[in-house]
């Protein structure tokens, strides 16, 4: 996963690009067993925080 933003609602979590699923996912930090810090993830179209926010805003509007 490539973390984009840490948030806190009921439990702390992180919004991230999931390499396994090739999509944005939210991960609860209390469920993360291992975390490896690496160099900055290269900015790629469709995988940035701005892309995540745009998609989430679109989902809220369609409800």
PDB file of N, CA and C in Angstrom:
ATOM      1  N   UNK A   1       0.843  -1.169   0.000  1.00  0.00           N
ATOM      2  CA  UNK A   1       0.000   0.000   0.000  1.00  0.00           C
ATOM      3  C   UNK A   1       0.884   1.225   0.000  1.00  0.00           C
ATOM      4  N   UNK A   2       0.414   2.247  -0.597  1.00  0.00           N
ATOM      5  CA  UNK A   2       1.121   3.523  -0.635  1.00  0.00           C
ATOM      6  C   UNK A   2       0.230   4.562   0.014  1.00  0.00           C
ATOM      7  N   UNK A   3       0.575   4.913   1.240  1.00  0.00           N
ATOM      8  CA  UNK A   3      -0.261   5.791   2.061  1.00  0.00           C
ATOM      9  C   UNK A   3      -0.392   7.174   1.447  1.00  0.00           C
ATOM     10  N   UNK A   4      -1.613   7.681   1.471  1.00  0.00           N
ATOM     11  CA  UNK A   4      -1.900   9.021   0.955  1.00  0.00           C
ATOM     12  C   UNK A   4      -2.267   9.985   2.074  1.00  0.00           C
ATOM     13  N   UNK A   5      -3.040   9.487   3.047  1.00  0.00           N
ATOM     14  CA  UNK A   5      -3.517  10.370   4.113  1.00  0.00           C
ATOM     15  C   UNK A   5      -3.917   9.538   5.327  1.00  0.00           C
ATOM     16  N   UNK A   6      -3.547  10.017   6.497  1.00  0.00           N
ATOM     17  CA  UNK A   6      -3.965   9.400   7.749  1.00  0.00           C
ATOM     18  C   UNK A   6      -5.205  10.137   8.236  1.00  0.00           C
ATOM     19  N   UNK A   7      -6.178   9.399   8.745  1.00  0.00           N
ATOM     20  CA  UNK A   7      -7.406  10.009   9.242  1.00  0.00           C
ATOM     21  C   UNK A   7      -7.814   9.362  10.554  1.00  0.00           C
ATOM     22  N   UNK A   8      -8.738   9.985  11.238  1.00  0.00           N
ATOM     23  CA  UNK A   8      -9.237   9.436  12.493  1.00  0.00           C
ATOM     24  C   UNK A   8     -10.734   9.662  12.569  1.00  0.00           C
ATOM     25  N   UNK A   9     -11.469   8.592  12.494  1.00  0.00           N
ATOM     26  CA  UNK A   9     -12.922   8.652  12.705  1.00  0.00           C
ATOM     27  C   UNK A   9     -13.181   7.900  13.992  1.00  0.00           C
ATOM     28  N   UNK A  10     -13.716   6.723  13.932  1.00  0.00           N
ATOM     29  CA  UNK A  10     -13.858   5.910  15.148  1.00  0.00           C
ATOM     30  C   UNK A  10     -12.515   5.319  15.552  1.00  0.00           C
ATOM     31  N   UNK A  11     -11.773   4.887  14.570  1.00  0.00           N
ATOM     32  CA  UNK A  11     -10.429   4.349  14.804  1.00  0.00           C
ATOM     33  C   UNK A  11      -9.482   4.997  13.806  1.00  0.00           C
ATOM     34  N   UNK A  12      -8.214   5.126  14.152  1.00  0.00           N
ATOM     35  CA  UNK A  12      -7.258   5.708  13.199  1.00  0.00           C
ATOM     36  C   UNK A  12      -7.136   4.828  11.952  1.00  0.00           C
ATOM     37  N   UNK A  13      -6.967   5.477  10.825  1.00  0.00           N
ATOM     38  CA  UNK A  13      -6.833   4.741   9.578  1.00  0.00           C
ATOM     39  C   UNK A  13      -5.972   5.492   8.587  1.00  0.00           C
ATOM     40  N   UNK A  14      -5.774   4.859   7.456  1.00  0.00           N
ATOM     41  CA  UNK A  14      -4.991   5.479   6.399  1.00  0.00           C
ATOM     42  C   UNK A  14      -5.674   5.203   5.063  1.00  0.00           C
ATOM     43  N   UNK A  15      -5.793   6.238   4.256  1.00  0.00           N
ATOM     44  CA  UNK A  15      -6.265   6.101   2.885  1.00  0.00           C
ATOM     45  C   UNK A  15      -5.027   5.840   2.040  1.00  0.00           C
ATOM     46  N   UNK A  16      -5.108   4.838   1.169  1.00  0.00           N
ATOM     47  CA  UNK A  16      -3.911   4.436   0.435  1.00  0.00           C
ATOM     48  C   UNK A  16      -4.262   3.845  -0.923  1.00  0.00           C
ATOM     49  N   UNK A  17      -3.258   3.824  -1.784  1.00  0.00           N
ATOM     50  CA  UNK A  17      -3.365   3.102  -3.043  1.00  0.00           C
ATOM     51  C   UNK A  17      -2.892   1.683  -2.748  1.00  0.00           C
ATOM     52  N   UNK A  18      -3.737   0.697  -3.045  1.00  0.00           N
ATOM     53  CA  UNK A  18      -3.416  -0.709  -2.795  1.00  0.00           C
ATOM     54  C   UNK A  18      -2.848  -1.323  -4.067  1.00  0.00           C
ATOM     55  N   UNK A  19      -1.594  -1.731  -4.009  1.00  0.00           N
ATOM     56  CA  UNK A  19      -0.952  -2.346  -5.172  1.00  0.00           C
ATOM     57  C   UNK A  19      -1.580  -3.696  -5.508  1.00  0.00           C
ATOM     58  N   UNK A  20      -2.007  -4.432  -4.490  1.00  0.00           N
ATOM     59  CA  UNK A  20      -2.618  -5.741  -4.715  1.00  0.00           C
ATOM     60  C   UNK A  20      -3.931  -5.617  -5.480  1.00  0.00           C
ATOM     61  N   UNK A  21      -4.805  -4.688  -5.062  1.00  0.00           N
ATOM     62  CA  UNK A  21      -6.125  -4.522  -5.675  1.00  0.00           C
ATOM     63  C   UNK A  21      -6.144  -3.498  -6.812  1.00  0.00           C
ATOM     64  N   UNK A  22      -5.043  -2.742  -6.950  1.00  0.00           N
ATOM     65  CA  UNK A  22      -4.967  -1.700  -7.976  1.00  0.00           C
ATOM     66  C   UNK A  22      -6.136  -0.724  -7.859  1.00  0.00           C
ATOM     67  N   UNK A  23      -6.369  -0.279  -6.610  1.00  0.00           N
ATOM     68  CA  UNK A  23      -7.471   0.639  -6.324  1.00  0.00           C
ATOM     69  C   UNK A  23      -7.194   1.322  -4.991  1.00  0.00           C
ATOM     70  N   UNK A  24      -7.952   2.364  -4.709  1.00  0.00           N
ATOM     71  CA  UNK A  24      -7.855   3.033  -3.418  1.00  0.00           C
ATOM     72  C   UNK A  24      -8.535   2.178  -2.364  1.00  0.00           C
ATOM     73  N   UNK A  25      -7.946   2.151  -1.185  1.00  0.00           N
ATOM     74  CA  UNK A  25      -8.510   1.419  -0.057  1.00  0.00           C
ATOM     75  C   UNK A  25      -8.273   2.211   1.213  1.00  0.00           C
ATOM     76  N   UNK A  26      -9.089   1.921   2.223  1.00  0.00           N
ATOM     77  CA  UNK A  26      -8.886   2.476   3.557  1.00  0.00           C
ATOM     78  C   UNK A  26      -8.479   1.328   4.468  1.00  0.00           C
ATOM     79  N   UNK A  27      -7.447   1.560   5.260  1.00  0.00           N
ATOM     80  CA  UNK A  27      -6.932   0.536   6.158  1.00  0.00           C
ATOM     81  C   UNK A  27      -7.009   1.045   7.592  1.00  0.00           C
ATOM     82  N   UNK A  28      -7.572   0.239   8.493  1.00  0.00           N
ATOM     83  CA  UNK A  28      -7.577   0.573   9.911  1.00  0.00           C
ATOM     84  C   UNK A  28      -6.185   0.296  10.467  1.00  0.00           C
ATOM     85  N   UNK A  29      -5.619   1.280  11.141  1.00  0.00           N
ATOM     86  CA  UNK A  29      -4.260   1.125  11.650  1.00  0.00           C
ATOM     87  C   UNK A  29      -4.164   0.085  12.755  1.00  0.00           C
ATOM     88  N   UNK A  30      -5.245  -0.137  13.500  1.00  0.00           N
ATOM     89  CA  UNK A  30      -5.185  -1.154  14.543  1.00  0.00           C
ATOM     90  C   UNK A  30      -5.198  -2.571  13.965  1.00  0.00           C
ATOM     91  N   UNK A  31      -5.424  -2.705  12.658  1.00  0.00           N
ATOM     92  CA  UNK A  31      -5.399  -4.014  12.002  1.00  0.00           C
ATOM     93  C   UNK A  31      -4.123  -4.241  11.192  1.00  0.00           C
ATOM     94  N   UNK A  32      -3.299  -3.224  11.061  1.00  0.00           N
ATOM     95  CA  UNK A  32      -2.048  -3.351  10.310  1.00  0.00           C
ATOM     96  C   UNK A  32      -1.032  -4.071  11.187  1.00  0.00           C
ATOM     97  N   UNK A  33      -0.514  -5.175  10.689  1.00  0.00           N
ATOM     98  CA  UNK A  33       0.432  -5.975  11.466  1.00  0.00           C
ATOM     99  C   UNK A  33       1.881  -5.568  11.231  1.00  0.00           C
ATOM    100  N   UNK A  34       2.178  -5.137  10.032  1.00  0.00           N
ATOM    101  CA  UNK A  34       3.550  -4.772   9.712  1.00  0.00           C
ATOM    102  C   UNK A  34       3.530  -3.589   8.745  1.00  0.00           C
ATOM    103  N   UNK A  35       4.436  -2.683   8.964  1.00  0.00           N
ATOM    104  CA  UNK A  35       4.535  -1.511   8.110  1.00  0.00           C
ATOM    105  C   UNK A  35       5.998  -1.250   7.821  1.00  0.00           C
ATOM    106  N   UNK A  36       6.324  -1.093   6.570  1.00  0.00           N
ATOM    107  CA  UNK A  36       7.694  -0.821   6.161  1.00  0.00           C
ATOM    108  C   UNK A  36       7.733   0.536   5.490  1.00  0.00           C
ATOM    109  N   UNK A  37       8.538   1.413   6.030  1.00  0.00           N
ATOM    110  CA  UNK A  37       8.671   2.740   5.445  1.00  0.00           C
ATOM    111  C   UNK A  37       9.674   2.690   4.299  1.00  0.00           C
ATOM    112  N   UNK A  38       9.301   3.289   3.184  1.00  0.00           N
ATOM    113  CA  UNK A  38      10.175   3.339   2.012  1.00  0.00           C
ATOM    114  C   UNK A  38      10.312   4.788   1.561  1.00  0.00           C
ATOM    115  N   UNK A  39      11.058   4.974   0.520  1.00  0.00           N
ATOM    116  CA  UNK A  39      11.166   6.306  -0.070  1.00  0.00           C
ATOM    117  C   UNK A  39       9.796   6.755  -0.545  1.00  0.00           C
ATOM    118  N   UNK A  40       9.684   8.020  -0.868  1.00  0.00           N
ATOM    119  CA  UNK A  40       8.416   8.548  -1.370  1.00  0.00           C
ATOM    120  C   UNK A  40       7.968   7.781  -2.597  1.00  0.00           C
ATOM    121  N   UNK A  41       6.682   7.520  -2.645  1.00  0.00           N
ATOM    122  CA  UNK A  41       6.078   6.852  -3.792  1.00  0.00           C
ATOM    123  C   UNK A  41       5.965   7.851  -4.934  1.00  0.00           C
ATOM    124  N   UNK A  42       6.372   7.490  -6.135  1.00  0.00           N
ATOM    125  CA  UNK A  42       6.291   8.454  -7.242  1.00  0.00           C
ATOM    126  C   UNK A  42       4.840   8.821  -7.553  1.00  0.00           C
ATOM    127  N   UNK A  43       4.619  10.088  -7.802  1.00  0.00           N
ATOM    128  CA  UNK A  43       3.286  10.574  -8.132  1.00  0.00           C
ATOM    129  C   UNK A  43       2.871  10.028  -9.493  1.00  0.00           C
ATOM    130  N   UNK A  44       1.770   9.299  -9.512  1.00  0.00           N
ATOM    131  CA  UNK A  44       1.270   8.731 -10.763  1.00  0.00           C
ATOM    132  C   UNK A  44      -0.185   9.152 -10.953  1.00  0.00           C
ATOM    133  N   UNK A  45      -0.511   9.546 -12.148  1.00  0.00           N
ATOM    134  CA  UNK A  45      -1.878   9.935 -12.479  1.00  0.00           C
ATOM    135  C   UNK A  45      -2.847   8.834 -12.065  1.00  0.00           C
ATOM    136  N   UNK A  46      -3.914   9.221 -11.359  1.00  0.00           N
ATOM    137  CA  UNK A  46      -4.921   8.266 -10.921  1.00  0.00           C
ATOM    138  C   UNK A  46      -4.643   7.619  -9.577  1.00  0.00           C
ATOM    139  N   UNK A  47      -3.460   7.871  -9.000  1.00  0.00           N
ATOM    140  CA  UNK A  47      -3.087   7.244  -7.725  1.00  0.00           C
ATOM    141  C   UNK A  47      -2.703   8.269  -6.662  1.00  0.00           C
ATOM    142  N   UNK A  48      -3.030   9.529  -6.903  1.00  0.00           N
ATOM    143  CA  UNK A  48      -2.636  10.593  -5.981  1.00  0.00           C
ATOM    144  C   UNK A  48      -3.765  10.918  -5.007  1.00  0.00           C
ATOM    145  N   UNK A  49      -3.421  11.665  -3.964  1.00  0.00           N
ATOM    146  CA  UNK A  49      -4.423  12.079  -2.979  1.00  0.00           C
ATOM    147  C   UNK A  49      -5.554  12.850  -3.652  1.00  0.00           C
ATOM    148  N   UNK A  50      -5.237  13.729  -4.587  1.00  0.00           N
ATOM    149  CA  UNK A  50      -6.267  14.498  -5.291  1.00  0.00           C
ATOM    150  C   UNK A  50      -7.234  13.568  -6.034  1.00  0.00           C
ATOM    151  N   UNK A  51      -6.736  12.481  -6.601  1.00  0.00           N
ATOM    152  CA  UNK A  51      -7.588  11.509  -7.297  1.00  0.00           C
ATOM    153  C   UNK A  51      -8.502  10.797  -6.306  1.00  0.00           C
ATOM    154  N   UNK A  52      -7.951  10.430  -5.153  1.00  0.00           N
ATOM    155  CA  UNK A  52      -8.732   9.781  -4.103  1.00  0.00           C
ATOM    156  C   UNK A  52      -9.869  10.697  -3.637  1.00  0.00           C
ATOM    157  N   UNK A  53      -9.555  11.959  -3.372  1.00  0.00           N
ATOM    158  CA  UNK A  53     -10.558  12.921  -2.907  1.00  0.00           C
ATOM    159  C   UNK A  53     -11.649  13.091  -3.958  1.00  0.00           C
ATOM    160  N   UNK A  54     -11.278  13.228  -5.220  1.00  0.00           N
ATOM    161  CA  UNK A  54     -12.252  13.395  -6.305  1.00  0.00           C
ATOM    162  C   UNK A  54     -13.201  12.199  -6.368  1.00  0.00           C
ATOM    163  N   UNK A  55     -12.680  10.999  -6.255  1.00  0.00           N
ATOM    164  CA  UNK A  55     -13.504   9.795  -6.304  1.00  0.00           C
ATOM    165  C   UNK A  55     -14.446   9.738  -5.101  1.00  0.00           C
ATOM    166  N   UNK A  56     -13.931  10.038  -3.913  1.00  0.00           N
ATOM    167  CA  UNK A  56     -14.762  10.003  -2.702  1.00  0.00           C
ATOM    168  C   UNK A  56     -15.877  11.047  -2.769  1.00  0.00           C
ATOM    169  N   UNK A  57     -15.589  12.225  -3.291  1.00  0.00           N
ATOM    170  CA  UNK A  57     -16.611  13.260  -3.428  1.00  0.00           C
ATOM    171  C   UNK A  57     -17.687  12.825  -4.420  1.00  0.00           C
ATOM    172  N   UNK A  58     -17.276  12.162  -5.471  1.00  0.00           N
ATOM    173  CA  UNK A  58     -18.241  11.646  -6.458  1.00  0.00           C
ATOM    174  C   UNK A  58     -19.148  10.588  -5.858  1.00  0.00           C
ATOM    175  N   UNK A  59     -18.622   9.743  -4.988  1.00  0.00           N
ATOM    176  CA  UNK A  59     -19.427   8.709  -4.330  1.00  0.00           C
ATOM    177  C   UNK A  59     -20.436   9.322  -3.371  1.00  0.00           C
ATOM    178  N   UNK A  60     -20.047  10.387  -2.679  1.00  0.00           N
ATOM    179  CA  UNK A  60     -20.969  11.048  -1.757  1.00  0.00           C
ATOM    180  C   UNK A  60     -22.130  11.687  -2.517  1.00  0.00           C
ATOM    181  N   UNK A  61     -21.839  12.273  -3.666  1.00  0.00           N
ATOM    182  CA  UNK A  61     -22.883  12.940  -4.468  1.00  0.00           C
ATOM    183  C   UNK A  61     -23.869  11.942  -5.034  1.00  0.00           C
ATOM    184  N   UNK A  62     -23.413  10.728  -5.364  1.00  0.00           N
ATOM    185  CA  UNK A  62     -24.291   9.742  -6.005  1.00  0.00           C
ATOM    186  C   UNK A  62     -25.192   9.022  -5.012  1.00  0.00           C
ATOM    187  N   UNK A  63     -25.018   9.256  -3.717  1.00  0.00           N
ATOM    188  CA  UNK A  63     -25.864   8.593  -2.707  1.00  0.00           C
ATOM    189  C   UNK A  63     -27.203   9.225  -2.607  1.00  0.00           C
TER     190      UNK A  63
END
